[in-house]
Amino acid sequence: LVDDVMTAGTAVREVIPKLKAEANVEVVGLVLSVDRMEKTKDSDTSAVKAVEAEFGFPVFSIANVKEIFEAGQHIRTADGTPYVTSEIKAAADAYLERYGA
C-alpha cells in the first residue's frame, strides 16, 4: 500500500477494510512519502507504530517531518533566505512537542 502522508493513521484504518471487502488481497506493508511523526489520539504511541501493531505489517517512510525541516534550513531561496527560517523551525518544534510521538 502507498500513501502520501500519515498523521494519525485514519486513512489506513479506513482503506484496509474496504480493500479486503472488494478484493482478496493481503497488505504486506505501507510506504509513506512523509511520516508526520504524530502520536495517536488516545496515547503517546506514534501513529506509525500503532498501525504496524494493529495490522501486522511494516510501515516505511521516504522522509519524516524532522528531516524535511532540517533540510529546509539548508536550502536557500534565490535571495539567500532559507526556506525554513528559525521562526518556522521553532513553530514546527512547538507543534511536535505538543502532538509528536
Protein backbone atom coordinates (compact mmCIF):
# COMPACT_ATOMS: atom_id res chain seq x y z
CA LEU A 1 0.00 0.00 0.00
CA VAL A 2 1.27 3.51 -0.76
CA ASP A 3 0.11 6.74 0.90
CA ASP A 4 1.31 10.31 0.73
CA VAL A 5 1.42 11.16 4.43
CA MET A 6 0.47 9.70 7.78
CA THR A 7 -0.83 11.88 10.54
CA ALA A 8 -2.99 9.76 12.86
CA GLY A 9 -3.34 6.71 10.60
CA THR A 10 -7.04 7.34 9.95
CA ALA A 11 -6.87 6.87 6.17
CA VAL A 12 -5.13 3.50 6.52
CA ARG A 13 -7.72 2.32 9.04
CA GLU A 14 -10.49 3.28 6.61
CA VAL A 15 -8.88 1.86 3.46
CA ILE A 16 -7.73 -1.58 4.67
CA PRO A 17 -11.25 -2.93 5.42
CA LYS A 18 -12.55 -1.53 2.11
CA LEU A 19 -9.69 -3.15 0.19
CA LYS A 20 -10.30 -6.51 1.84
CA ALA A 21 -14.05 -6.27 1.19
CA GLU A 22 -13.50 -5.65 -2.53
CA ALA A 23 -10.61 -7.98 -3.31
CA ASN A 24 -8.79 -10.97 -1.92
CA VAL A 25 -5.61 -9.08 -1.06
CA GLU A 26 -3.04 -9.23 1.68
CA VAL A 27 -1.39 -5.94 2.52
CA VAL A 28 2.24 -6.69 3.35
CA GLY A 29 3.47 -3.17 4.01
CA LEU A 30 2.88 0.54 3.71
CA VAL A 31 5.17 3.11 2.10
CA LEU A 32 4.66 6.76 3.00
CA SER A 33 6.09 9.83 1.36
CA VAL A 34 6.11 11.61 4.74
CA ASP A 35 5.75 10.46 8.33
CA ARG A 36 4.50 13.46 10.30
CA MET A 37 5.71 11.71 13.48
CA GLU A 38 2.48 12.38 15.33
CA LYS A 39 1.01 10.37 18.16
CA THR A 40 -2.39 8.72 18.11
CA LYS A 41 -5.37 10.49 19.64
CA ASP A 42 -5.57 8.15 22.62
CA SER A 43 -1.91 7.62 23.56
CA ASP A 44 1.67 8.78 23.15
CA THR A 45 2.33 5.94 20.70
CA SER A 46 3.34 7.10 17.23
CA ALA A 47 0.71 6.64 14.55
CA VAL A 48 3.19 4.59 12.52
CA LYS A 49 3.88 2.18 15.40
CA ALA A 50 0.15 1.91 16.15
CA VAL A 51 -0.65 0.99 12.52
CA GLU A 52 2.19 -1.55 12.46
CA ALA A 53 0.87 -3.16 15.65
CA GLU A 54 -2.77 -3.09 14.58
CA PHE A 55 -2.31 -4.52 11.09
CA GLY A 56 0.89 -6.54 11.49
CA PHE A 57 2.83 -5.08 8.58
CA PRO A 58 5.79 -2.70 8.44
CA VAL A 59 5.47 0.99 7.59
CA PHE A 60 8.32 2.72 5.76
CA SER A 61 8.61 6.44 5.07
CA ILE A 62 10.73 8.20 2.48
CA ALA A 63 11.20 11.11 4.90
CA ASN A 64 9.89 12.32 8.21
CA VAL A 65 8.87 15.81 9.18
CA LYS A 66 12.02 16.45 11.22
CA GLU A 67 14.23 15.53 8.26
CA ILE A 68 12.26 17.84 5.98
CA PHE A 69 12.51 20.82 8.31
CA GLU A 70 16.21 20.15 8.87
CA ALA A 71 16.89 20.03 5.13
CA GLY A 72 14.78 23.14 4.59
CA GLN A 73 17.08 25.12 6.86
CA HIS A 74 19.98 24.45 4.48
CA ILE A 75 18.17 25.05 1.19
CA ARG A 76 18.09 28.71 0.17
CA THR A 77 15.81 30.81 -2.00
CA ALA A 78 17.27 32.90 -4.83
CA ASP A 79 17.85 35.78 -2.40
CA GLY A 80 19.67 33.54 0.09
CA THR A 81 16.88 33.17 2.63
CA PRO A 82 16.48 29.64 3.99
CA TYR A 83 13.18 28.00 3.10
CA VAL A 84 12.80 27.06 6.74
CA THR A 85 13.63 30.09 8.84
CA SER A 86 14.37 29.88 12.55
CA GLU A 87 10.82 31.11 13.22
CA ILE A 88 9.28 28.35 11.10
CA LYS A 89 11.54 25.75 12.73
CA ALA A 90 10.57 26.97 16.21
CA ALA A 91 6.87 26.73 15.32
CA ALA A 92 7.36 23.22 13.93
CA ASP A 93 9.27 22.16 17.04
CA ALA A 94 6.50 23.54 19.27
CA TYR A 95 3.90 21.65 17.24
CA LEU A 96 5.84 18.40 17.53
CA GLU A 97 6.36 18.96 21.24
CA ARG A 98 2.59 19.02 21.62
CA TYR A 99 1.45 16.44 19.04
CA GLY A 100 4.58 14.45 18.22
CA ALA A 101 5.26 10.94 19.37
